[in-house]
Amino acid sequence: MADDMDRVFKALADASRRRLLDLLHADQGQTLGALAGRLDMTRQAVSQHLAVLEAANLVATVRRGREKLHYLNPVPIHEIEARWIAKFERPRLEALAALKQRLEGETDG
């Protein structure tokens, strides 16, 4: 599990790979050629970035005839949110809720 999370963080650390994920989020099922056409990099560079994203399970592929279609897999990003973001956000949200209750309580009386 830790190795999986490490691969996800490594994949997300690169701006080009994040851009690829944005492109797939906006338009699922794109080919390598379509993705390369929307970026300022070679097909080989896009292919290498996609390989890293696939290894991190952030991109899933489906073959359709001779084409290989790429799809965003949001599950690893959700796992990061649940493991690393939500737990740090919870105390702040609880503090804001308590503050709201105190302020609303003061206006009732």
N, C-alpha and C. Protein backbone atom coordinates (compact mmCIF):
# COMPACT_ATOMS: atom_id res chain seq x y z
N MET A 1 0.82 -1.20 0.00
CA MET A 1 0.00 0.00 0.00
C MET A 1 0.86 1.26 0.00
N ALA A 2 1.93 1.28 0.82
CA ALA A 2 2.81 2.45 0.85
C ALA A 2 3.49 2.65 -0.49
N ASP A 3 3.90 1.56 -1.14
CA ASP A 3 4.52 1.67 -2.47
C ASP A 3 3.54 2.25 -3.48
N ASP A 4 2.27 1.84 -3.39
CA ASP A 4 1.24 2.38 -4.29
C ASP A 4 1.09 3.88 -4.09
N MET A 5 1.04 4.31 -2.84
CA MET A 5 0.89 5.73 -2.54
C MET A 5 2.12 6.50 -2.99
N ASP A 6 3.31 5.91 -2.84
CA ASP A 6 4.54 6.56 -3.30
C ASP A 6 4.51 6.79 -4.81
N ARG A 7 4.01 5.80 -5.54
CA ARG A 7 3.91 5.93 -7.00
C ARG A 7 2.94 7.04 -7.39
N VAL A 8 1.86 7.16 -6.64
CA VAL A 8 0.87 8.21 -6.93
C VAL A 8 1.49 9.58 -6.69
N PHE A 9 2.14 9.76 -5.54
CA PHE A 9 2.76 11.05 -5.24
C PHE A 9 3.84 11.39 -6.26
N LYS A 10 4.63 10.39 -6.66
CA LYS A 10 5.67 10.62 -7.67
C LYS A 10 5.03 11.05 -8.99
N ALA A 11 3.97 10.38 -9.37
CA ALA A 11 3.29 10.71 -10.62
C ALA A 11 2.71 12.12 -10.57
N LEU A 12 2.13 12.49 -9.45
CA LEU A 12 1.50 13.81 -9.33
C LEU A 12 2.52 14.94 -9.16
N ALA A 13 3.76 14.60 -8.87
CA ALA A 13 4.79 15.63 -8.64
C ALA A 13 5.19 16.34 -9.92
N ASP A 14 4.88 15.76 -11.07
CA ASP A 14 5.30 16.34 -12.34
C ASP A 14 4.16 17.13 -12.99
N ALA A 15 4.44 18.37 -13.37
CA ALA A 15 3.42 19.25 -13.96
C ALA A 15 2.86 18.69 -15.27
N SER A 16 3.69 18.06 -16.07
CA SER A 16 3.21 17.50 -17.34
C SER A 16 2.22 16.36 -17.09
N ARG A 17 2.49 15.55 -16.10
CA ARG A 17 1.57 14.46 -15.79
C ARG A 17 0.26 14.99 -15.20
N ARG A 18 0.34 16.03 -14.39
CA ARG A 18 -0.88 16.64 -13.89
C ARG A 18 -1.71 17.22 -15.04
N ARG A 19 -1.03 17.79 -16.02
CA ARG A 19 -1.72 18.33 -17.20
C ARG A 19 -2.41 17.21 -17.97
N LEU A 20 -1.74 16.07 -18.12
CA LEU A 20 -2.36 14.92 -18.77
C LEU A 20 -3.62 14.48 -18.02
N LEU A 21 -3.55 14.45 -16.70
CA LEU A 21 -4.72 14.08 -15.91
C LEU A 21 -5.85 15.09 -16.11
N ASP A 22 -5.50 16.37 -16.18
CA ASP A 22 -6.52 17.40 -16.45
C ASP A 22 -7.18 17.18 -17.80
N LEU A 23 -6.38 16.85 -18.80
CA LEU A 23 -6.92 16.60 -20.14
C LEU A 23 -7.85 15.39 -20.14
N LEU A 24 -7.46 14.35 -19.42
CA LEU A 24 -8.31 13.16 -19.34
C LEU A 24 -9.57 13.42 -18.52
N HIS A 25 -9.45 14.26 -17.51
CA HIS A 25 -10.63 14.61 -16.72
C HIS A 25 -11.65 15.34 -17.59
N ALA A 26 -11.16 16.21 -18.44
CA ALA A 26 -12.04 16.99 -19.31
C ALA A 26 -12.62 16.16 -20.45
N ASP A 27 -11.87 15.16 -20.90
CA ASP A 27 -12.30 14.38 -22.06
C ASP A 27 -11.73 12.97 -21.96
N GLN A 28 -12.50 12.06 -21.40
CA GLN A 28 -12.05 10.69 -21.18
C GLN A 28 -11.89 9.94 -22.50
N GLY A 29 -11.04 8.92 -22.51
CA GLY A 29 -10.92 8.03 -23.65
C GLY A 29 -10.11 8.59 -24.80
N GLN A 30 -9.04 9.30 -24.51
CA GLN A 30 -8.22 9.88 -25.56
C GLN A 30 -7.08 8.95 -25.94
N THR A 31 -6.69 9.01 -27.20
CA THR A 31 -5.55 8.24 -27.68
C THR A 31 -4.26 9.00 -27.38
N LEU A 32 -3.14 8.30 -27.51
CA LEU A 32 -1.83 8.93 -27.34
C LEU A 32 -1.68 10.09 -28.32
N GLY A 33 -2.06 9.88 -29.56
CA GLY A 33 -1.94 10.93 -30.57
C GLY A 33 -2.76 12.16 -30.22
N ALA A 34 -3.98 11.95 -29.73
CA ALA A 34 -4.83 13.09 -29.35
C ALA A 34 -4.22 13.85 -28.19
N LEU A 35 -3.70 13.13 -27.21
CA LEU A 35 -3.08 13.79 -26.06
C LEU A 35 -1.83 14.54 -26.47
N ALA A 36 -1.00 13.92 -27.28
CA ALA A 36 0.24 14.56 -27.73
C ALA A 36 -0.06 15.82 -28.54
N GLY A 37 -1.14 15.79 -29.29
CA GLY A 37 -1.53 16.95 -30.09
C GLY A 37 -1.96 18.14 -29.26
N ARG A 38 -2.33 17.90 -28.02
CA ARG A 38 -2.79 18.98 -27.14
C ARG A 38 -1.69 19.47 -26.21
N LEU A 39 -0.50 18.85 -26.31
CA LEU A 39 0.62 19.23 -25.43
C LEU A 39 1.83 19.62 -26.27
N ASP A 40 2.69 20.39 -25.70
CA ASP A 40 3.91 20.80 -26.37
C ASP A 40 5.04 19.83 -26.03
N MET A 41 4.85 18.55 -26.46
CA MET A 41 5.88 17.53 -26.25
C MET A 41 5.70 16.42 -27.27
N THR A 42 6.72 15.63 -27.42
CA THR A 42 6.69 14.55 -28.40
C THR A 42 5.76 13.43 -27.94
N ARG A 43 5.34 12.62 -28.91
CA ARG A 43 4.54 11.43 -28.57
C ARG A 43 5.29 10.53 -27.61
N GLN A 44 6.61 10.40 -27.82
CA GLN A 44 7.41 9.54 -26.94
C GLN A 44 7.39 10.07 -25.50
N ALA A 45 7.51 11.38 -25.33
CA ALA A 45 7.48 11.97 -23.98
C ALA A 45 6.11 11.76 -23.34
N VAL A 46 5.05 11.95 -24.12
CA VAL A 46 3.70 11.73 -23.59
C VAL A 46 3.53 10.27 -23.21
N SER A 47 4.03 9.37 -24.04
CA SER A 47 3.95 7.94 -23.76
C SER A 47 4.67 7.59 -22.46
N GLN A 48 5.82 8.17 -22.24
CA GLN A 48 6.57 7.91 -21.00
C GLN A 48 5.81 8.42 -19.78
N HIS A 49 5.21 9.61 -19.91
CA HIS A 49 4.42 10.15 -18.79
C HIS A 49 3.20 9.28 -18.53
N LEU A 50 2.54 8.83 -19.59
CA LEU A 50 1.38 7.96 -19.42
C LEU A 50 1.77 6.65 -18.74
N ALA A 51 2.96 6.14 -19.04
CA ALA A 51 3.42 4.90 -18.41
C ALA A 51 3.56 5.08 -16.90
N VAL A 52 4.07 6.24 -16.48
CA VAL A 52 4.20 6.53 -15.05
C VAL A 52 2.81 6.63 -14.41
N LEU A 53 1.89 7.29 -15.10
CA LEU A 53 0.51 7.42 -14.59
C LEU A 53 -0.18 6.06 -14.52
N GLU A 54 0.05 5.21 -15.50
CA GLU A 54 -0.53 3.86 -15.48
C GLU A 54 0.06 3.04 -14.32
N ALA A 55 1.37 3.15 -14.11
CA ALA A 55 2.01 2.42 -13.01
C ALA A 55 1.46 2.86 -11.66
N ALA A 56 1.04 4.11 -11.56
CA ALA A 56 0.46 4.64 -10.33
C ALA A 56 -1.05 4.38 -10.26
N ASN A 57 -1.59 3.72 -11.27
CA ASN A 57 -3.02 3.40 -11.37
C ASN A 57 -3.89 4.66 -11.49
N LEU A 58 -3.31 5.75 -11.96
CA LEU A 58 -4.06 6.98 -12.17
C LEU A 58 -4.70 7.02 -13.56
N VAL A 59 -4.20 6.19 -14.45
CA VAL A 59 -4.74 6.10 -15.80
C VAL A 59 -4.97 4.62 -16.12
N ALA A 60 -6.15 4.36 -16.64
CA ALA A 60 -6.49 3.02 -17.12
C ALA A 60 -6.60 3.08 -18.63
N THR A 61 -6.29 1.98 -19.29
CA THR A 61 -6.35 1.95 -20.75
C THR A 61 -7.28 0.84 -21.22
N VAL A 62 -7.87 1.08 -22.37
CA VAL A 62 -8.75 0.11 -23.02
C VAL A 62 -8.38 0.09 -24.49
N ARG A 63 -8.21 -1.10 -25.02
CA ARG A 63 -7.93 -1.24 -26.46
C ARG A 63 -9.24 -1.26 -27.22
N ARG A 64 -9.31 -0.49 -28.28
CA ARG A 64 -10.44 -0.48 -29.19
C ARG A 64 -9.88 -0.61 -30.58
N GLY A 65 -9.86 -1.84 -31.07
CA GLY A 65 -9.21 -2.10 -32.35
C GLY A 65 -7.72 -1.85 -32.21
N ARG A 66 -7.21 -0.99 -33.07
CA ARG A 66 -5.78 -0.66 -33.01
C ARG A 66 -5.48 0.49 -32.07
N GLU A 67 -6.52 1.14 -31.58
CA GLU A 67 -6.33 2.29 -30.69
C GLU A 67 -6.26 1.86 -29.23
N LYS A 68 -5.50 2.62 -28.49
CA LYS A 68 -5.42 2.44 -27.04
C LYS A 68 -5.98 3.72 -26.42
N LEU A 69 -7.10 3.59 -25.74
CA LEU A 69 -7.77 4.74 -25.14
C LEU A 69 -7.37 4.88 -23.68
N HIS A 70 -7.15 6.11 -23.25
CA HIS A 70 -6.70 6.39 -21.89
C HIS A 70 -7.82 7.06 -21.10
N TYR A 71 -8.01 6.58 -19.87
CA TYR A 71 -9.07 7.08 -19.00
C TYR A 71 -8.47 7.43 -17.63
N LEU A 72 -8.96 8.51 -17.06
CA LEU A 72 -8.58 8.89 -15.71
C LEU A 72 -9.19 7.93 -14.72
N ASN A 73 -8.39 7.47 -13.76
CA ASN A 73 -8.88 6.67 -12.64
C ASN A 73 -8.76 7.54 -11.39
N PRO A 74 -9.85 8.09 -10.88
CA PRO A 74 -9.76 9.02 -9.75
C PRO A 74 -9.59 8.35 -8.39
N VAL A 75 -9.65 7.04 -8.31
CA VAL A 75 -9.61 6.34 -7.02
C VAL A 75 -8.33 6.66 -6.22
N PRO A 76 -7.12 6.59 -6.82
CA PRO A 76 -5.93 6.90 -6.02
C PRO A 76 -5.92 8.35 -5.49
N ILE A 77 -6.48 9.28 -6.25
CA ILE A 77 -6.55 10.67 -5.78
C ILE A 77 -7.53 10.77 -4.61
N HIS A 78 -8.63 10.05 -4.70
CA HIS A 78 -9.58 10.02 -3.59
C HIS A 78 -8.92 9.42 -2.33
N GLU A 79 -8.13 8.39 -2.51
CA GLU A 79 -7.44 7.78 -1.36
C GLU A 79 -6.48 8.76 -0.71
N ILE A 80 -5.80 9.58 -1.52
CA ILE A 80 -4.92 10.62 -0.97
C ILE A 80 -5.75 11.62 -0.17
N GLU A 81 -6.87 12.01 -0.73
CA GLU A 81 -7.74 12.96 -0.04
C GLU A 81 -8.19 12.39 1.30
N ALA A 82 -8.61 11.14 1.31
CA ALA A 82 -9.09 10.52 2.54
C ALA A 82 -7.97 10.34 3.56
N ARG A 83 -6.79 9.97 3.09
CA ARG A 83 -5.67 9.68 4.00
C ARG A 83 -4.93 10.93 4.45
N TRP A 84 -4.73 11.88 3.55
CA TRP A 84 -3.82 12.99 3.85
C TRP A 84 -4.49 14.34 4.00
N ILE A 85 -5.63 14.55 3.39
CA ILE A 85 -6.24 15.88 3.42
C ILE A 85 -7.38 15.92 4.43
N ALA A 86 -8.30 14.98 4.34
CA ALA A 86 -9.49 15.02 5.18
C ALA A 86 -9.15 15.02 6.67
N LYS A 87 -8.19 14.22 7.08
CA LYS A 87 -7.90 14.15 8.52
C LYS A 87 -7.31 15.46 9.04
N PHE A 88 -6.62 16.21 8.19
CA PHE A 88 -6.06 17.49 8.63
C PHE A 88 -7.11 18.59 8.55
N GLU A 89 -8.09 18.42 7.70
CA GLU A 89 -9.16 19.39 7.53
C GLU A 89 -10.19 19.30 8.64
N ARG A 90 -10.42 18.10 9.15
CA ARG A 90 -11.47 17.86 10.14
C ARG A 90 -11.36 18.77 11.37
N PRO A 91 -10.19 18.90 12.02
CA PRO A 91 -10.12 19.78 13.20
C PRO A 91 -10.49 21.23 12.89
N ARG A 92 -10.09 21.72 11.73
CA ARG A 92 -10.41 23.09 11.35
C ARG A 92 -11.91 23.26 11.15
N LEU A 93 -12.54 22.28 10.52
CA LEU A 93 -13.98 22.35 10.31
C LEU A 93 -14.74 22.25 11.64
N GLU A 94 -14.26 21.41 12.54
CA GLU A 94 -14.89 21.31 13.86
C GLU A 94 -14.75 22.62 14.63
N ALA A 95 -13.60 23.27 14.53
CA ALA A 95 -13.38 24.55 15.20
C ALA A 95 -14.32 25.62 14.62
N LEU A 96 -14.49 25.62 13.30
CA LEU A 96 -15.40 26.59 12.68
C LEU A 96 -16.85 26.33 13.09
N ALA A 97 -17.24 25.06 13.18
CA ALA A 97 -18.60 24.72 13.61
C ALA A 97 -18.83 25.17 15.05
N ALA A 98 -17.83 24.95 15.92
CA ALA A 98 -17.95 25.38 17.32
C ALA A 98 -18.05 26.90 17.41
N LEU A 99 -17.25 27.61 16.63
CA LEU A 99 -17.30 29.07 16.60
C LEU A 99 -18.68 29.54 16.14
N LYS A 100 -19.21 28.92 15.10
CA LYS A 100 -20.53 29.28 14.59
C LYS A 100 -21.59 29.08 15.66
N GLN A 101 -21.53 27.95 16.37
CA GLN A 101 -22.50 27.69 17.44
C GLN A 101 -22.40 28.73 18.55
N ARG A 102 -21.18 29.08 18.92
CA ARG A 102 -20.99 30.11 19.97
C ARG A 102 -21.56 31.45 19.52
N LEU A 103 -21.25 31.84 18.28
CA LEU A 103 -21.74 33.13 17.78
C LEU A 103 -23.26 33.15 17.65
N GLU A 104 -23.83 32.06 17.17
CA GLU A 104 -25.29 31.99 17.07
C GLU A 104 -25.94 31.94 18.43
N GLY A 105 -25.27 31.31 19.38
CA GLY A 105 -25.78 31.25 20.75
C GLY A 105 -25.82 32.61 21.41
N GLU A 106 -24.83 33.45 21.10
CA GLU A 106 -24.78 34.80 21.67
C GLU A 106 -25.91 35.67 21.14
N THR A 107 -26.36 35.45 19.91
CA THR A 107 -27.43 36.27 19.36
C THR A 107 -28.80 35.82 19.83
N ASP A 108 -28.91 34.57 20.35
CA ASP A 108 -30.20 34.07 20.81
C ASP A 108 -30.62 34.72 22.12
N GLY A 109 -29.68 35.10 22.90
CA GLY A 109 -30.00 35.48 24.24
C GLY A 109 -30.13 36.89 24.47
